[in-house]
Protein backbone atom coordinates (compact mmCIF):
# COMPACT_ATOMS: atom_id res chain seq x y z
CA MET A 1 -43.82 -49.87 -12.25
CA SER A 2 -43.58 -51.84 -15.43
CA ASP A 3 -40.49 -52.23 -17.51
CA LYS A 4 -41.95 -50.05 -20.26
CA ALA A 5 -42.76 -47.24 -17.79
CA LYS A 6 -39.27 -47.47 -16.32
CA CYS A 7 -37.81 -47.21 -19.79
CA VAL A 8 -39.93 -44.14 -20.62
CA ALA A 9 -39.10 -42.51 -17.26
CA GLY A 10 -35.39 -43.22 -17.80
CA ARG A 11 -35.50 -41.70 -21.27
CA ALA A 12 -37.35 -38.64 -19.98
CA GLY A 13 -34.80 -38.22 -17.18
CA ARG A 14 -31.93 -38.51 -19.62
CA MET A 15 -33.57 -36.00 -21.95
CA VAL A 16 -34.03 -33.49 -19.14
CA ALA A 17 -30.41 -33.99 -18.07
CA ALA A 18 -29.23 -33.63 -21.67
CA VAL A 19 -31.23 -30.44 -22.20
CA GLY A 20 -29.88 -29.08 -18.90
CA CYS A 21 -26.30 -29.88 -19.89
CA MET A 22 -26.79 -28.31 -23.30
CA ALA A 23 -28.20 -25.16 -21.69
CA LEU A 24 -25.20 -24.94 -19.36
CA LEU A 25 -22.68 -25.62 -22.10
CA SER A 26 -24.29 -23.26 -24.59
CA GLY A 27 -24.01 -20.32 -22.16
CA CYS A 28 -27.64 -19.69 -21.43
CA GLU A 29 -28.15 -15.94 -21.63
CA TRP A 30 -31.21 -15.72 -19.40
CA TRP A 31 -30.63 -14.65 -15.82
CA PRO A 32 -33.31 -13.96 -13.24
CA PRO A 33 -33.92 -10.21 -12.76
CA ALA A 34 -32.91 -10.32 -9.08
CA LEU A 35 -29.63 -11.98 -10.04
CA GLN A 36 -29.06 -9.44 -12.81
CA GLU A 37 -29.60 -6.61 -10.33
CA ARG A 38 -27.26 -8.20 -7.82
CA LEU A 39 -24.59 -8.67 -10.49
CA ALA A 40 -24.95 -5.04 -11.54
CA GLN A 41 -24.60 -3.89 -7.92
CA GLN A 42 -21.54 -6.03 -7.38
CA SER A 43 -20.02 -4.83 -10.63
CA ALA A 44 -20.54 -1.22 -9.52
CA GLN A 45 -19.02 -2.04 -6.13
CA VAL A 46 -15.98 -3.61 -7.79
CA GLN A 47 -15.57 -0.51 -9.96
CA ASP A 48 -15.90 1.79 -6.92
CA LEU A 49 -13.39 -0.29 -5.00
CA GLY A 50 -10.97 -0.11 -7.92
CA THR A 51 -11.25 3.67 -7.96
CA GLU A 52 -10.81 3.83 -4.18
CA ASN A 53 -7.81 1.48 -4.41
CA ALA A 54 -6.16 3.73 -7.00
CA ALA A 55 -6.74 6.79 -4.80
CA LEU A 56 -5.30 5.02 -1.76
CA GLN A 57 -2.27 3.85 -3.72
CA GLU A 58 -1.67 7.47 -4.78
CA LYS A 59 -1.85 8.57 -1.14
CA VAL A 60 0.59 5.82 -0.15
CA MET A 61 3.01 6.97 -2.85
CA GLN A 62 2.70 10.58 -1.63
CA ALA A 63 3.31 9.47 1.96
CA ALA A 64 6.35 7.43 0.90
CA LYS A 65 7.70 10.48 -0.93
CA ALA A 66 7.15 12.64 2.16
CA VAL A 67 8.96 10.07 4.32
CA SER A 68 11.86 10.03 1.88
CA GLU A 69 12.07 13.84 1.94
CA CYS A 70 11.95 13.85 5.75
CA ASN A 71 14.72 11.27 5.91
CA ALA A 72 16.84 13.41 3.59
CA ARG A 73 16.24 16.43 5.83
CA VAL A 74 17.15 14.41 8.93
CA GLU A 75 20.40 13.31 7.29
CA GLN A 76 21.16 16.90 6.31
CA ALA A 77 20.39 18.16 9.83
CA THR A 78 22.57 15.42 11.33
CA GLN A 79 25.44 16.40 9.05
CA THR A 80 24.98 20.08 9.90
CA GLN A 81 24.95 19.26 13.60
CA ALA A 82 28.16 17.24 13.24
CA ASP A 83 29.81 20.11 11.36
CA LEU A 84 28.74 22.64 14.01
CA GLN A 85 29.93 20.34 16.79
CA ALA A 86 33.32 20.09 15.06
CA GLN A 87 33.48 23.90 14.90
CA VAL A 88 32.59 24.16 18.59
CA ASP A 89 35.30 21.63 19.43
CA GLN A 90 37.84 23.61 17.37
CA LEU A 91 36.84 26.87 19.06
CA LYS A 92 37.12 25.27 22.51
CA ALA A 93 40.54 23.93 21.64
CA ALA A 94 41.62 27.36 20.34
CA LEU A 95 40.28 29.00 23.50
CA GLU A 96 42.12 26.55 25.74
CA GLU A 97 45.31 27.09 23.72
CA THR A 98 44.95 30.86 24.02
CA GLU A 99 44.26 30.62 27.75
CA ALA A 100 47.36 28.43 28.15
CA LYS A 101 49.49 30.98 26.25
CA LEU A 102 48.15 33.79 28.39
CA ALA A 103 48.81 31.79 31.54
CA LYS A 104 52.45 31.32 30.45
CA LYS A 105 52.81 35.07 29.94
CA GLY A 106 51.42 35.65 33.40
CA LYS A 107 48.21 37.34 32.39
CA PRO A 108 45.02 35.97 33.94
CA ALA A 109 42.37 34.82 31.47
CA LYS A 110 39.02 36.62 31.60
CA LYS A 111 35.92 34.50 31.89
């Protein structure tokens, strides 16, 4: 290849590269139809996933609220059980005291 041909080929290559860079930098608005369709599908999928994510987050919040309510009920039941156990202990102590008093008086305790 001659020097002149090399020079012309080099210029042509630089021109193509320059035009390509300008197209990329200028934000070329043309997209192949298949790519446009794929982008539209992916955009719809992203939107659907966002909606599904919001619904799942709502369910998680409802479940967390239910867990909190259950924990409160468990605490209340535990407290009630402790109170009832204290009453049972008091009644047993009163019964034993009464049986001891009756035993001192000489009367047998009924069981």
